[in-house]
Amino acid sequence: MKTAYLKNENIKTNKATYLSDLCHQSPFLVINTPCGVAKYKFNKIGYDHKNSLVLEYMIIDDKKYNDTNSIIHKLGRFYYLSATQLLYAFKYYANT
């Protein structure tokens, strides 16, 4: 039983490492939030209360995006994505 637990932990660690590498290579995302569009930069990887991988992005004050101040006021400086959401975003960018 202990071996199976260690294998699961190793797989989880590898996934986090791969995503971290991907985020460091392409740290910026333009995200369309419910309050508007803004530019975000990768900040860190963590886990939520369900032990699921969560990627934290921090809003960047880019003058090109007019909704930044409104987003900061209504949603805050951070935006959180699941691994699936992040991979979907990168797939979208790769296909456009």
C-alpha atoms as a PDB file:
ATOM      1  CA  MET A   1       0.000   0.000   0.000  1.00  0.00           C
ATOM      2  CA  LYS A   2       2.830   2.376   0.842  1.00  0.00           C
ATOM      3  CA  THR A   3       4.415   1.799  -2.598  1.00  0.00           C
ATOM      4  CA  ALA A   4       1.172   2.781  -4.376  1.00  0.00           C
ATOM      5  CA  TYR A   5       0.992   5.978  -2.302  1.00  0.00           C
ATOM      6  CA  LEU A   6       4.584   6.875  -3.201  1.00  0.00           C
ATOM      7  CA  LYS A   7       3.917   6.255  -6.904  1.00  0.00           C
ATOM      8  CA  ASN A   8       0.876   8.572  -6.794  1.00  0.00           C
ATOM      9  CA  GLU A   9       2.929  11.253  -5.047  1.00  0.00           C
ATOM     10  CA  ASN A  10       5.697  10.927  -7.656  1.00  0.00           C
ATOM     11  CA  ILE A  11       3.189  11.264 -10.507  1.00  0.00           C
ATOM     12  CA  LYS A  12       1.661  14.320  -8.837  1.00  0.00           C
ATOM     13  CA  THR A  13       5.084  15.883  -8.328  1.00  0.00           C
ATOM     14  CA  ASN A  14       6.040  15.214 -11.961  1.00  0.00           C
ATOM     15  CA  LYS A  15       2.841  16.852 -13.242  1.00  0.00           C
ATOM     16  CA  ALA A  16       3.493  19.923 -11.101  1.00  0.00           C
ATOM     17  CA  THR A  17       7.095  20.080 -12.352  1.00  0.00           C
ATOM     18  CA  TYR A  18       6.033  19.857 -16.007  1.00  0.00           C
ATOM     19  CA  LEU A  19       3.392  22.546 -15.574  1.00  0.00           C
ATOM     20  CA  SER A  20       5.803  24.748 -13.662  1.00  0.00           C
ATOM     21  CA  ASP A  21       8.348  24.450 -16.481  1.00  0.00           C
ATOM     22  CA  LEU A  22       5.663  25.295 -19.036  1.00  0.00           C
ATOM     23  CA  CYS A  23       4.540  28.330 -17.032  1.00  0.00           C
ATOM     24  CA  HIS A  24       8.088  29.623 -16.631  1.00  0.00           C
ATOM     25  CA  GLN A  25       8.707  29.287 -20.372  1.00  0.00           C
ATOM     26  CA  SER A  26       5.470  31.142 -21.210  1.00  0.00           C
ATOM     27  CA  PRO A  27       4.588  33.112 -18.082  1.00  0.00           C
ATOM     28  CA  PHE A  28       2.001  35.518 -19.536  1.00  0.00           C
ATOM     29  CA  LEU A  29      -1.675  34.892 -20.270  1.00  0.00           C
ATOM     30  CA  VAL A  30      -4.399  37.249 -21.404  1.00  0.00           C
ATOM     31  CA  ILE A  31      -7.482  36.171 -19.469  1.00  0.00           C
ATOM     32  CA  ASN A  32     -11.070  37.162 -20.156  1.00  0.00           C
ATOM     33  CA  THR A  33     -12.563  37.392 -16.656  1.00  0.00           C
ATOM     34  CA  PRO A  34     -16.214  38.141 -15.815  1.00  0.00           C
ATOM     35  CA  CYS A  35     -15.071  41.755 -15.203  1.00  0.00           C
ATOM     36  CA  GLY A  36     -13.066  42.239 -18.397  1.00  0.00           C
ATOM     37  CA  VAL A  37      -9.814  41.299 -20.099  1.00  0.00           C
ATOM     38  CA  ALA A  38      -6.368  41.681 -18.515  1.00  0.00           C
ATOM     39  CA  LYS A  39      -2.836  40.393 -18.750  1.00  0.00           C
ATOM     40  CA  TYR A  40      -1.605  38.011 -16.048  1.00  0.00           C
ATOM     41  CA  LYS A  41       1.800  36.585 -15.145  1.00  0.00           C
ATOM     42  CA  PHE A  42       2.405  33.148 -13.635  1.00  0.00           C
ATOM     43  CA  ASN A  43       3.126  33.413  -9.914  1.00  0.00           C
ATOM     44  CA  LYS A  44       3.129  29.935  -8.326  1.00  0.00           C
ATOM     45  CA  ILE A  45       1.666  26.443  -8.142  1.00  0.00           C
ATOM     46  CA  GLY A  46      -0.229  25.156  -5.146  1.00  0.00           C
ATOM     47  CA  TYR A  47      -3.004  22.805  -4.085  1.00  0.00           C
ATOM     48  CA  ASP A  48      -6.582  23.560  -3.090  1.00  0.00           C
ATOM     49  CA  HIS A  49      -8.555  22.036  -0.204  1.00  0.00           C
ATOM     50  CA  LYS A  50      -9.354  18.989  -2.395  1.00  0.00           C
ATOM     51  CA  ASN A  51      -5.623  18.477  -3.022  1.00  0.00           C
ATOM     52  CA  SER A  52      -6.036  19.453  -6.687  1.00  0.00           C
ATOM     53  CA  LEU A  53      -3.317  21.343  -8.504  1.00  0.00           C
ATOM     54  CA  VAL A  54      -3.973  25.101  -8.771  1.00  0.00           C
ATOM     55  CA  LEU A  55      -1.926  27.650 -10.730  1.00  0.00           C
ATOM     56  CA  GLU A  56      -1.846  31.217  -9.460  1.00  0.00           C
ATOM     57  CA  TYR A  57      -1.529  34.118 -11.874  1.00  0.00           C
ATOM     58  CA  MET A  58      -1.030  37.737 -10.825  1.00  0.00           C
ATOM     59  CA  ILE A  59      -2.508  40.625 -12.792  1.00  0.00           C
ATOM     60  CA  ILE A  60      -0.042  42.892 -14.623  1.00  0.00           C
ATOM     61  CA  ASP A  61      -0.670  46.606 -14.957  1.00  0.00           C
ATOM     62  CA  ASP A  62      -0.486  46.756 -18.748  1.00  0.00           C
ATOM     63  CA  LYS A  63      -1.874  49.994 -20.214  1.00  0.00           C
ATOM     64  CA  LYS A  64      -3.040  48.027 -23.269  1.00  0.00           C
ATOM     65  CA  TYR A  65      -5.852  46.492 -21.186  1.00  0.00           C
ATOM     66  CA  ASN A  66      -8.374  49.038 -19.907  1.00  0.00           C
ATOM     67  CA  ASP A  67     -10.209  46.665 -17.543  1.00  0.00           C
ATOM     68  CA  THR A  68      -7.241  46.057 -15.232  1.00  0.00           C
ATOM     69  CA  ASN A  69      -8.269  48.494 -12.475  1.00  0.00           C
ATOM     70  CA  SER A  70     -11.861  47.258 -12.499  1.00  0.00           C
ATOM     71  CA  ILE A  71     -10.698  43.639 -12.255  1.00  0.00           C
ATOM     72  CA  ILE A  72      -8.354  44.436  -9.357  1.00  0.00           C
ATOM     73  CA  HIS A  73     -11.180  46.210  -7.530  1.00  0.00           C
ATOM     74  CA  LYS A  74     -13.810  43.483  -8.103  1.00  0.00           C
ATOM     75  CA  LEU A  75     -11.783  40.253  -8.231  1.00  0.00           C
ATOM     76  CA  GLY A  76      -8.422  41.083  -6.698  1.00  0.00           C
ATOM     77  CA  ARG A  77      -4.876  40.762  -8.041  1.00  0.00           C
ATOM     78  CA  PHE A  78      -4.825  36.978  -8.413  1.00  0.00           C
ATOM     79  CA  TYR A  79      -6.567  34.560 -10.750  1.00  0.00           C
ATOM     80  CA  TYR A  80      -6.501  30.798 -10.191  1.00  0.00           C
ATOM     81  CA  LEU A  81      -6.601  28.135 -12.886  1.00  0.00           C
ATOM     82  CA  SER A  82      -6.806  24.360 -12.701  1.00  0.00           C
ATOM     83  CA  ALA A  83      -4.290  22.320 -14.662  1.00  0.00           C
ATOM     84  CA  THR A  84      -7.015  21.470 -17.195  1.00  0.00           C
ATOM     85  CA  GLN A  85      -7.904  25.143 -17.687  1.00  0.00           C
ATOM     86  CA  LEU A  86      -4.255  26.064 -18.183  1.00  0.00           C
ATOM     87  CA  LEU A  87      -3.669  23.325 -20.742  1.00  0.00           C
ATOM     88  CA  TYR A  88      -6.830  24.377 -22.577  1.00  0.00           C
ATOM     89  CA  ALA A  89      -5.549  27.977 -22.699  1.00  0.00           C
ATOM     90  CA  PHE A  90      -2.169  26.889 -24.086  1.00  0.00           C
ATOM     91  CA  LYS A  91      -3.899  24.654 -26.639  1.00  0.00           C
ATOM     92  CA  TYR A  92      -6.044  27.618 -27.721  1.00  0.00           C
ATOM     93  CA  TYR A  93      -2.947  29.830 -28.137  1.00  0.00           C
ATOM     94  CA  ALA A  94      -1.147  27.098 -30.086  1.00  0.00           C
ATOM     95  CA  ASN A  95      -4.056  26.761 -32.524  1.00  0.00           C
ATOM     96  CA  THR A  96      -4.521  30.494 -33.180  1.00  0.00           C
END
